[in-house]
Structure formats: C-alpha cells, structure tokens
Amino acid sequence: MSNLRKVQDYFFRLAKQQGYVARSAFKLQEVDDKYRVLKRGGNVLDLGCNPGAWLQVACRALGPPAAGGIVLGVDLKDTPVPAAHCDSRVRTLKADAKLLRPEQLLQLSPDGGGFHSVLSDMAPSTSGVSSLDAARSLMLAELAVDIALGTPDDASSVGVLRPGGSLVVKLLEGPGDGRHILQTITRSRFERIGWMRPKATRPESCEVFLVATGFKR
C-alpha cells in the first residue's frame, strides 16, 4: 500500500471510529489545537459546512450545553445536523453565501452580537484547470473575509466577526498570488496571521488555510 493510501485510510478510519461524518474534522481540530480559534461558549459561523464535520468539532469546542453559544452552518446543499457530537445549539441554513448579507447573519446570532469564530471550508467545483480553480477559490475566500470583516470599499459595511475573534479560510493554491492577496486584506485587522496545511489534508490536494486571530475592529 502506498504512503498516500495509508494516510487516506488512516483518517477515514479514524473519522468513522470517532463518529465524525468526514476526515475534515481533523483539519479543524489541528487548526484549533495550534491557534485556539474556537471559544468555549462562543458563537461559530461555518461557511460551506456540508457534510457537517466542522459543525461537530465546533460544537464540541463550545463545551457542555450550559456553557452556551451556537454553531450556524451555511451551505448550498441541505446539511442535516449530525447526530454525533452535536446538540441543539447547532443549526444549518441552506443558502448561497454570495447572496447573504452580514446583517442577515447577525440576526441569527444571539442578541445580534455576531460570531466569535468565522470558518470557511468553501471550495469551488474543480475544473482541472489549476489557474481557474485557484481564481474561483480566491473569490470564495475573499467572500468569507468580506462576510467576517465587512466589504472594504463600503465604509458603512459591518462584518459578523466580534472584536478579538478568529477567522479560518480555505484557499486552493495555484497560479496567481492568492496567499499574498488574502494576507494583504487581513493582516492589519488581526493580531496574528498564519497558514496551515493540516495533516488530514489529502496529499494530492492544493488546499491551505489562512488562520487569523485577534480581530481588531
């Protein structure tokens, strides 16, 4: 068995053993272990939440139900809340993130106060053309940033991320300078910016994650 297959099989088996709906759960776990992007009793917005593995990890990070907080997942596809690792604080919304205004999402947060963590695992349908896939991925990444922080060319635009909050955004790398673009639009707004390629990422994947903590509104 190749090393590639061994890695795929290990995280696939581990997800099944631990009750997660997908191996991607371990990506968010590793990001949180390093950067502490999920807050006990916090409010979490998960963009591109299907099939629900990040919902599971986020809910566990909230602590017991008495700790409070919510997890709101948004996806183009219907995404049932997984039975394992989730409780009544998790809900999902079938919607196109491109059509959602931050004001709508704020209304879905407790007291309209916004979210402590904004996560985006959104990815385009891949075409096999790396330049096109990278460009489409960057558009989705910038969309997630705009939802979290507000639209940069609109002074009245308000994002959904609370001061001190964290942002995690997936990017498919390819021709172009997606990393530099995302860093440019986020680095002055956060105390810390980093990049991660979690171990559970498939070896053939070109995905990386921007991780930003300590949002400065």
C-alpha atoms as a PDB file:
ATOM      1  CA  MET A   1       0.000   0.000   0.000  1.00  0.00           C
ATOM      2  CA  SER A   2       1.352   3.457  -0.942  1.00  0.00           C
ATOM      3  CA  ASN A   3       2.008   6.127   1.683  1.00  0.00           C
ATOM      4  CA  LEU A   4      -0.742   8.214   0.061  1.00  0.00           C
ATOM      5  CA  ARG A   5      -3.286   5.442   0.511  1.00  0.00           C
ATOM      6  CA  LYS A   6      -2.167   4.817   4.085  1.00  0.00           C
ATOM      7  CA  VAL A   7      -2.735   8.468   5.023  1.00  0.00           C
ATOM      8  CA  GLN A   8      -6.173   8.486   3.383  1.00  0.00           C
ATOM      9  CA  ASP A   9      -7.205   5.236   5.039  1.00  0.00           C
ATOM     10  CA  TYR A  10      -5.938   6.307   8.486  1.00  0.00           C
ATOM     11  CA  PHE A  11      -8.007   9.490   8.718  1.00  0.00           C
ATOM     12  CA  PHE A  12     -11.007   7.844   7.062  1.00  0.00           C
ATOM     13  CA  ARG A  13     -10.965   5.039   9.631  1.00  0.00           C
ATOM     14  CA  LEU A  14     -10.341   7.441  12.500  1.00  0.00           C
ATOM     15  CA  ALA A  15     -13.318   9.595  11.495  1.00  0.00           C
ATOM     16  CA  LYS A  16     -15.602   6.546  11.455  1.00  0.00           C
ATOM     17  CA  GLN A  17     -14.271   5.335  14.802  1.00  0.00           C
ATOM     18  CA  GLN A  18     -14.842   8.693  16.483  1.00  0.00           C
ATOM     19  CA  GLY A  19     -18.245   9.379  14.942  1.00  0.00           C
ATOM     20  CA  TYR A  20     -17.282  12.181  12.578  1.00  0.00           C
ATOM     21  CA  VAL A  21     -19.011  12.421   9.215  1.00  0.00           C
ATOM     22  CA  ALA A  22     -15.776  13.239   7.356  1.00  0.00           C
ATOM     23  CA  ARG A  23     -11.999  13.268   7.747  1.00  0.00           C
ATOM     24  CA  SER A  24     -12.077  17.074   7.512  1.00  0.00           C
ATOM     25  CA  ALA A  25     -12.941  17.136  11.228  1.00  0.00           C
ATOM     26  CA  PHE A  26      -9.270  16.536  11.987  1.00  0.00           C
ATOM     27  CA  LYS A  27      -8.232  19.548   9.905  1.00  0.00           C
ATOM     28  CA  LEU A  28     -10.217  21.912  12.103  1.00  0.00           C
ATOM     29  CA  GLN A  29      -9.103  20.087  15.240  1.00  0.00           C
ATOM     30  CA  GLU A  30      -5.450  20.619  14.298  1.00  0.00           C
ATOM     31  CA  VAL A  31      -6.030  24.290  13.478  1.00  0.00           C
ATOM     32  CA  ASP A  32      -7.765  24.793  16.821  1.00  0.00           C
ATOM     33  CA  ASP A  33      -5.078  22.931  18.732  1.00  0.00           C
ATOM     34  CA  LYS A  34      -2.472  25.367  17.385  1.00  0.00           C
ATOM     35  CA  TYR A  35      -4.362  28.659  17.199  1.00  0.00           C
ATOM     36  CA  ARG A  36      -7.329  28.273  19.599  1.00  0.00           C
ATOM     37  CA  VAL A  37      -9.827  29.608  17.089  1.00  0.00           C
ATOM     38  CA  LEU A  38     -12.870  28.110  18.841  1.00  0.00           C
ATOM     39  CA  LYS A  39     -14.101  29.643  22.084  1.00  0.00           C
ATOM     40  CA  ARG A  40     -15.877  27.824  24.903  1.00  0.00           C
ATOM     41  CA  GLY A  41     -19.463  29.057  24.901  1.00  0.00           C
ATOM     42  CA  GLY A  42     -18.779  31.064  21.741  1.00  0.00           C
ATOM     43  CA  ASN A  43     -20.737  31.678  18.557  1.00  0.00           C
ATOM     44  CA  VAL A  44     -19.415  29.995  15.411  1.00  0.00           C
ATOM     45  CA  LEU A  45     -20.312  30.621  11.762  1.00  0.00           C
ATOM     46  CA  ASP A  46     -19.338  27.736   9.447  1.00  0.00           C
ATOM     47  CA  LEU A  47     -19.494  28.666   5.741  1.00  0.00           C
ATOM     48  CA  GLY A  48     -19.517  25.696   3.377  1.00  0.00           C
ATOM     49  CA  CYS A  49     -20.500  23.384   6.217  1.00  0.00           C
ATOM     50  CA  ASN A  50     -21.514  20.272   4.238  1.00  0.00           C
ATOM     51  CA  PRO A  51     -21.247  17.396   5.214  1.00  0.00           C
ATOM     52  CA  GLY A  52     -21.074  18.652   8.796  1.00  0.00           C
ATOM     53  CA  ALA A  53     -17.724  17.559  10.250  1.00  0.00           C
ATOM     54  CA  TRP A  54     -16.721  21.087  11.212  1.00  0.00           C
ATOM     55  CA  LEU A  55     -20.113  21.559  12.880  1.00  0.00           C
ATOM     56  CA  GLN A  56     -19.260  18.571  15.075  1.00  0.00           C
ATOM     57  CA  VAL A  57     -15.821  19.868  16.054  1.00  0.00           C
ATOM     58  CA  ALA A  58     -17.142  23.366  16.698  1.00  0.00           C
ATOM     59  CA  CYS A  59     -19.966  22.124  18.909  1.00  0.00           C
ATOM     60  CA  ARG A  60     -17.605  20.008  20.997  1.00  0.00           C
ATOM     61  CA  ALA A  61     -15.366  23.039  21.474  1.00  0.00           C
ATOM     62  CA  LEU A  62     -18.259  25.035  22.944  1.00  0.00           C
ATOM     63  CA  GLY A  63     -18.288  22.779  25.977  1.00  0.00           C
ATOM     64  CA  PRO A  64     -21.468  21.468  27.657  1.00  0.00           C
ATOM     65  CA  PRO A  65     -24.828  22.973  26.671  1.00  0.00           C
ATOM     66  CA  ALA A  66     -24.859  25.026  29.858  1.00  0.00           C
ATOM     67  CA  ALA A  67     -21.816  26.917  28.542  1.00  0.00           C
ATOM     68  CA  GLY A  68     -23.987  28.486  25.843  1.00  0.00           C
ATOM     69  CA  GLY A  69     -23.028  29.548  22.340  1.00  0.00           C
ATOM     70  CA  ILE A  70     -24.268  28.467  18.925  1.00  0.00           C
ATOM     71  CA  VAL A  71     -22.930  26.943  15.717  1.00  0.00           C
ATOM     72  CA  LEU A  72     -24.557  28.132  12.486  1.00  0.00           C
ATOM     73  CA  GLY A  73     -23.677  26.229   9.311  1.00  0.00           C
ATOM     74  CA  VAL A  74     -24.348  27.619   5.845  1.00  0.00           C
ATOM     75  CA  ASP A  75     -24.154  25.624   2.621  1.00  0.00           C
ATOM     76  CA  LEU A  76     -25.650  25.397  -0.845  1.00  0.00           C
ATOM     77  CA  LYS A  77     -26.643  21.815  -0.054  1.00  0.00           C
ATOM     78  CA  ASP A  78     -29.112  20.582   2.531  1.00  0.00           C
ATOM     79  CA  THR A  79     -26.955  19.617   5.512  1.00  0.00           C
ATOM     80  CA  PRO A  80     -28.636  17.692   8.328  1.00  0.00           C
ATOM     81  CA  VAL A  81     -27.075  18.317  11.723  1.00  0.00           C
ATOM     82  CA  PRO A  82     -25.001  15.206  12.549  1.00  0.00           C
ATOM     83  CA  ALA A  83     -26.331  13.197  15.458  1.00  0.00           C
ATOM     84  CA  ALA A  84     -22.902  12.614  16.988  1.00  0.00           C
ATOM     85  CA  HIS A  85     -21.038  15.424  18.767  1.00  0.00           C
ATOM     86  CA  CYS A  86     -23.822  17.961  18.084  1.00  0.00           C
ATOM     87  CA  ASP A  87     -26.641  19.256  20.258  1.00  0.00           C
ATOM     88  CA  SER A  88     -29.474  21.765  19.989  1.00  0.00           C
ATOM     89  CA  ARG A  89     -27.011  24.656  19.685  1.00  0.00           C
ATOM     90  CA  VAL A  90     -26.181  23.575  16.117  1.00  0.00           C
ATOM     91  CA  ARG A  91     -28.361  24.564  13.188  1.00  0.00           C
ATOM     92  CA  THR A  92     -27.876  24.801   9.445  1.00  0.00           C
ATOM     93  CA  LEU A  93     -29.107  27.132   6.738  1.00  0.00           C
ATOM     94  CA  LYS A  94     -29.374  26.173   3.072  1.00  0.00           C
ATOM     95  CA  ALA A  95     -28.281  29.323   1.274  1.00  0.00           C
ATOM     96  CA  ASP A  96     -25.777  30.779  -1.174  1.00  0.00           C
ATOM     97  CA  ALA A  97     -23.217  32.722   0.835  1.00  0.00           C
ATOM     98  CA  LYS A  98     -22.830  35.104  -2.117  1.00  0.00           C
ATOM     99  CA  LEU A  99     -26.424  36.229  -1.601  1.00  0.00           C
ATOM    100  CA  LEU A 100     -26.337  36.539   2.184  1.00  0.00           C
ATOM    101  CA  ARG A 101     -25.785  39.941   3.717  1.00  0.00           C
ATOM    102  CA  PRO A 102     -23.876  40.173   7.013  1.00  0.00           C
ATOM    103  CA  GLU A 103     -26.935  41.847   8.543  1.00  0.00           C
ATOM    104  CA  GLN A 104     -28.949  38.688   7.908  1.00  0.00           C
ATOM    105  CA  LEU A 105     -26.346  36.530   9.617  1.00  0.00           C
ATOM    106  CA  LEU A 106     -26.067  38.905  12.561  1.00  0.00           C
ATOM    107  CA  GLN A 107     -29.787  38.476  13.161  1.00  0.00           C
ATOM    108  CA  LEU A 108     -29.184  34.741  13.530  1.00  0.00           C
ATOM    109  CA  SER A 109     -26.544  35.218  16.245  1.00  0.00           C
ATOM    110  CA  PRO A 110     -27.528  35.543  19.920  1.00  0.00           C
ATOM    111  CA  ASP A 111     -28.696  39.097  20.605  1.00  0.00           C
ATOM    112  CA  GLY A 112     -27.455  40.071  17.132  1.00  0.00           C
ATOM    113  CA  GLY A 113     -23.972  40.353  18.570  1.00  0.00           C
ATOM    114  CA  GLY A 114     -22.088  38.408  15.911  1.00  0.00           C
ATOM    115  CA  PHE A 115     -19.699  35.476  15.978  1.00  0.00           C
ATOM    116  CA  HIS A 116     -16.505  34.741  17.860  1.00  0.00           C
ATOM    117  CA  SER A 117     -15.280  32.485  15.043  1.00  0.00           C
ATOM    118  CA  VAL A 118     -15.919  32.543  11.294  1.00  0.00           C
ATOM    119  CA  LEU A 119     -14.854  29.391   9.469  1.00  0.00           C
ATOM    120  CA  SER A 120     -14.884  28.868   5.710  1.00  0.00           C
ATOM    121  CA  ASP A 121     -14.327  25.490   4.109  1.00  0.00           C
ATOM    122  CA  MET A 122     -15.961  26.729   0.894  1.00  0.00           C
ATOM    123  CA  ALA A 123     -14.427  25.403  -2.316  1.00  0.00           C
ATOM    124  CA  PRO A 124     -15.409  25.676  -5.980  1.00  0.00           C
ATOM    125  CA  SER A 125     -16.362  22.758  -8.166  1.00  0.00           C
ATOM    126  CA  THR A 126     -12.952  21.979  -9.631  1.00  0.00           C
ATOM    127  CA  SER A 127     -12.409  22.111 -13.381  1.00  0.00           C
ATOM    128  CA  GLY A 128      -8.963  20.525 -13.544  1.00  0.00           C
ATOM    129  CA  VAL A 129      -7.541  23.837 -14.793  1.00  0.00           C
ATOM    130  CA  SER A 130      -5.371  24.980 -11.895  1.00  0.00           C
ATOM    131  CA  SER A 131      -5.454  28.688 -12.753  1.00  0.00           C
ATOM    132  CA  LEU A 132      -9.255  28.695 -12.971  1.00  0.00           C
ATOM    133  CA  ASP A 133      -9.703  26.648  -9.800  1.00  0.00           C
ATOM    134  CA  ALA A 134      -7.309  28.915  -7.887  1.00  0.00           C
ATOM    135  CA  ALA A 135      -9.115  32.050  -9.087  1.00  0.00           C
ATOM    136  CA  ARG A 136     -12.523  30.673  -8.121  1.00  0.00           C
ATOM    137  CA  SER A 137     -11.212  29.589  -4.734  1.00  0.00           C
ATOM    138  CA  LEU A 138      -9.765  33.040  -4.085  1.00  0.00           C
ATOM    139  CA  MET A 139     -13.152  34.602  -4.876  1.00  0.00           C
ATOM    140  CA  LEU A 140     -14.795  32.378  -2.251  1.00  0.00           C
ATOM    141  CA  ALA A 141     -12.031  33.127   0.249  1.00  0.00           C
ATOM    142  CA  GLU A 142     -12.482  36.872  -0.277  1.00  0.00           C
ATOM    143  CA  LEU A 143     -16.236  36.424   0.122  1.00  0.00           C
ATOM    144  CA  ALA A 144     -15.681  34.764   3.506  1.00  0.00           C
ATOM    145  CA  VAL A 145     -13.399  37.621   4.559  1.00  0.00           C
ATOM    146  CA  ASP A 146     -15.979  40.203   3.496  1.00  0.00           C
ATOM    147  CA  ILE A 147     -18.694  38.423   5.471  1.00  0.00           C
ATOM    148  CA  ALA A 148     -16.464  38.332   8.540  1.00  0.00           C
ATOM    149  CA  LEU A 149     -14.960  41.827   8.346  1.00  0.00           C
ATOM    150  CA  GLY A 150     -17.254  43.849   6.093  1.00  0.00           C
ATOM    151  CA  THR A 151     -16.750  44.979   2.497  1.00  0.00           C
ATOM    152  CA  PRO A 152     -13.534  47.056   2.297  1.00  0.00           C
ATOM    153  CA  ASP A 153     -14.851  49.582  -0.265  1.00  0.00           C
ATOM    154  CA  ASP A 154     -18.001  50.293   1.753  1.00  0.00           C
ATOM    155  CA  ALA A 155     -17.356  52.320   4.878  1.00  0.00           C
ATOM    156  CA  SER A 156     -20.833  51.517   6.227  1.00  0.00           C
ATOM    157  CA  SER A 157     -20.430  47.747   5.791  1.00  0.00           C
ATOM    158  CA  VAL A 158     -20.300  45.771   9.027  1.00  0.00           C
ATOM    159  CA  GLY A 159     -18.960  42.235   9.271  1.00  0.00           C
ATOM    160  CA  VAL A 160     -20.170  39.479  11.567  1.00  0.00           C
ATOM    161  CA  LEU A 161     -16.916  38.808  13.444  1.00  0.00           C
ATOM    162  CA  ARG A 162     -16.695  40.056  17.010  1.00  0.00           C
ATOM    163  CA  PRO A 163     -13.642  42.016  18.222  1.00  0.00           C
ATOM    164  CA  GLY A 164     -10.966  39.570  19.331  1.00  0.00           C
ATOM    165  CA  GLY A 165     -12.475  36.862  17.118  1.00  0.00           C
ATOM    166  CA  SER A 166     -10.873  34.335  14.789  1.00  0.00           C
ATOM    167  CA  LEU A 167     -11.098  33.611  11.071  1.00  0.00           C
ATOM    168  CA  VAL A 168     -10.221  30.374   9.228  1.00  0.00           C
ATOM    169  CA  VAL A 169     -10.425  30.372   5.415  1.00  0.00           C
ATOM    170  CA  LYS A 170      -9.587  27.653   2.896  1.00  0.00           C
ATOM    171  CA  LEU A 171      -7.671  28.520  -0.264  1.00  0.00           C
ATOM    172  CA  LEU A 172      -6.816  26.296  -3.216  1.00  0.00           C
ATOM    173  CA  GLU A 173      -3.368  27.347  -4.354  1.00  0.00           C
ATOM    174  CA  GLY A 174      -2.342  27.604  -7.978  1.00  0.00           C
ATOM    175  CA  PRO A 175      -1.127  30.201 -10.493  1.00  0.00           C
ATOM    176  CA  GLY A 176      -1.551  33.677  -9.095  1.00  0.00           C
ATOM    177  CA  ASP A 177      -0.800  35.072  -5.660  1.00  0.00           C
ATOM    178  CA  GLY A 178      -3.784  34.121  -3.555  1.00  0.00           C
ATOM    179  CA  ARG A 179      -1.842  33.907  -0.325  1.00  0.00           C
ATOM    180  CA  HIS A 180      -0.431  37.400  -0.717  1.00  0.00           C
ATOM    181  CA  ILE A 181      -3.834  38.862  -1.592  1.00  0.00           C
ATOM    182  CA  LEU A 182      -5.532  37.326   1.452  1.00  0.00           C
ATOM    183  CA  GLN A 183      -2.708  38.392   3.752  1.00  0.00           C
ATOM    184  CA  THR A 184      -2.845  41.947   2.411  1.00  0.00           C
ATOM    185  CA  ILE A 185      -6.562  42.336   3.153  1.00  0.00           C
ATOM    186  CA  THR A 186      -6.414  40.730   6.602  1.00  0.00           C
ATOM    187  CA  ARG A 187      -3.043  41.340   8.246  1.00  0.00           C
ATOM    188  CA  SER A 188      -3.779  44.861   9.532  1.00  0.00           C
ATOM    189  CA  ARG A 189      -7.081  43.672  11.034  1.00  0.00           C
ATOM    190  CA  PHE A 190      -5.726  40.850  13.205  1.00  0.00           C
ATOM    191  CA  GLU A 191      -3.099  40.420  15.857  1.00  0.00           C
ATOM    192  CA  ARG A 192      -1.804  37.186  14.324  1.00  0.00           C
ATOM    193  CA  ILE A 193      -1.887  35.694  10.815  1.00  0.00           C
ATOM    194  CA  GLY A 194      -0.661  32.215   9.856  1.00  0.00           C
ATOM    195  CA  TRP A 195      -1.019  29.479   7.254  1.00  0.00           C
ATOM    196  CA  MET A 196      -1.615  25.772   7.828  1.00  0.00           C
ATOM    197  CA  ARG A 197      -1.779  22.616   5.785  1.00  0.00           C
ATOM    198  CA  PRO A 198      -3.270  20.142   8.276  1.00  0.00           C
ATOM    199  CA  LYS A 199      -2.050  16.558   8.338  1.00  0.00           C
ATOM    200  CA  ALA A 200      -5.504  15.237   7.390  1.00  0.00           C
ATOM    201  CA  THR A 201      -5.299  17.066   4.050  1.00  0.00           C
ATOM    202  CA  ARG A 202      -5.082  14.645   1.154  1.00  0.00           C
ATOM    203  CA  PRO A 203      -1.507  14.640  -0.205  1.00  0.00           C
ATOM    204  CA  GLU A 204      -2.679  15.450  -3.719  1.00  0.00           C
ATOM    205  CA  SER A 205      -4.730  18.459  -2.540  1.00  0.00           C
ATOM    206  CA  CYS A 206      -3.515  22.006  -3.099  1.00  0.00           C
ATOM    207  CA  GLU A 207      -5.530  23.437  -0.206  1.00  0.00           C
ATOM    208  CA  VAL A 208      -4.111  25.557   2.592  1.00  0.00           C
ATOM    209  CA  PHE A 209      -5.827  27.503   5.370  1.00  0.00           C
ATOM    210  CA  LEU A 210      -5.423  31.105   6.373  1.00  0.00           C
ATOM    211  CA  VAL A 211      -5.768  31.390  10.159  1.00  0.00           C
ATOM    212  CA  ALA A 212      -6.212  34.837  11.681  1.00  0.00           C
ATOM    213  CA  THR A 213      -6.751  35.535  15.376  1.00  0.00           C
ATOM    214  CA  GLY A 214      -7.363  38.618  17.495  1.00  0.00           C
ATOM    215  CA  PHE A 215      -9.651  40.630  15.242  1.00  0.00           C
ATOM    216  CA  LYS A 216      -9.227  44.414  15.612  1.00  0.00           C
ATOM    217  CA  ARG A 217     -12.478  46.110  14.585  1.00  0.00           C
END
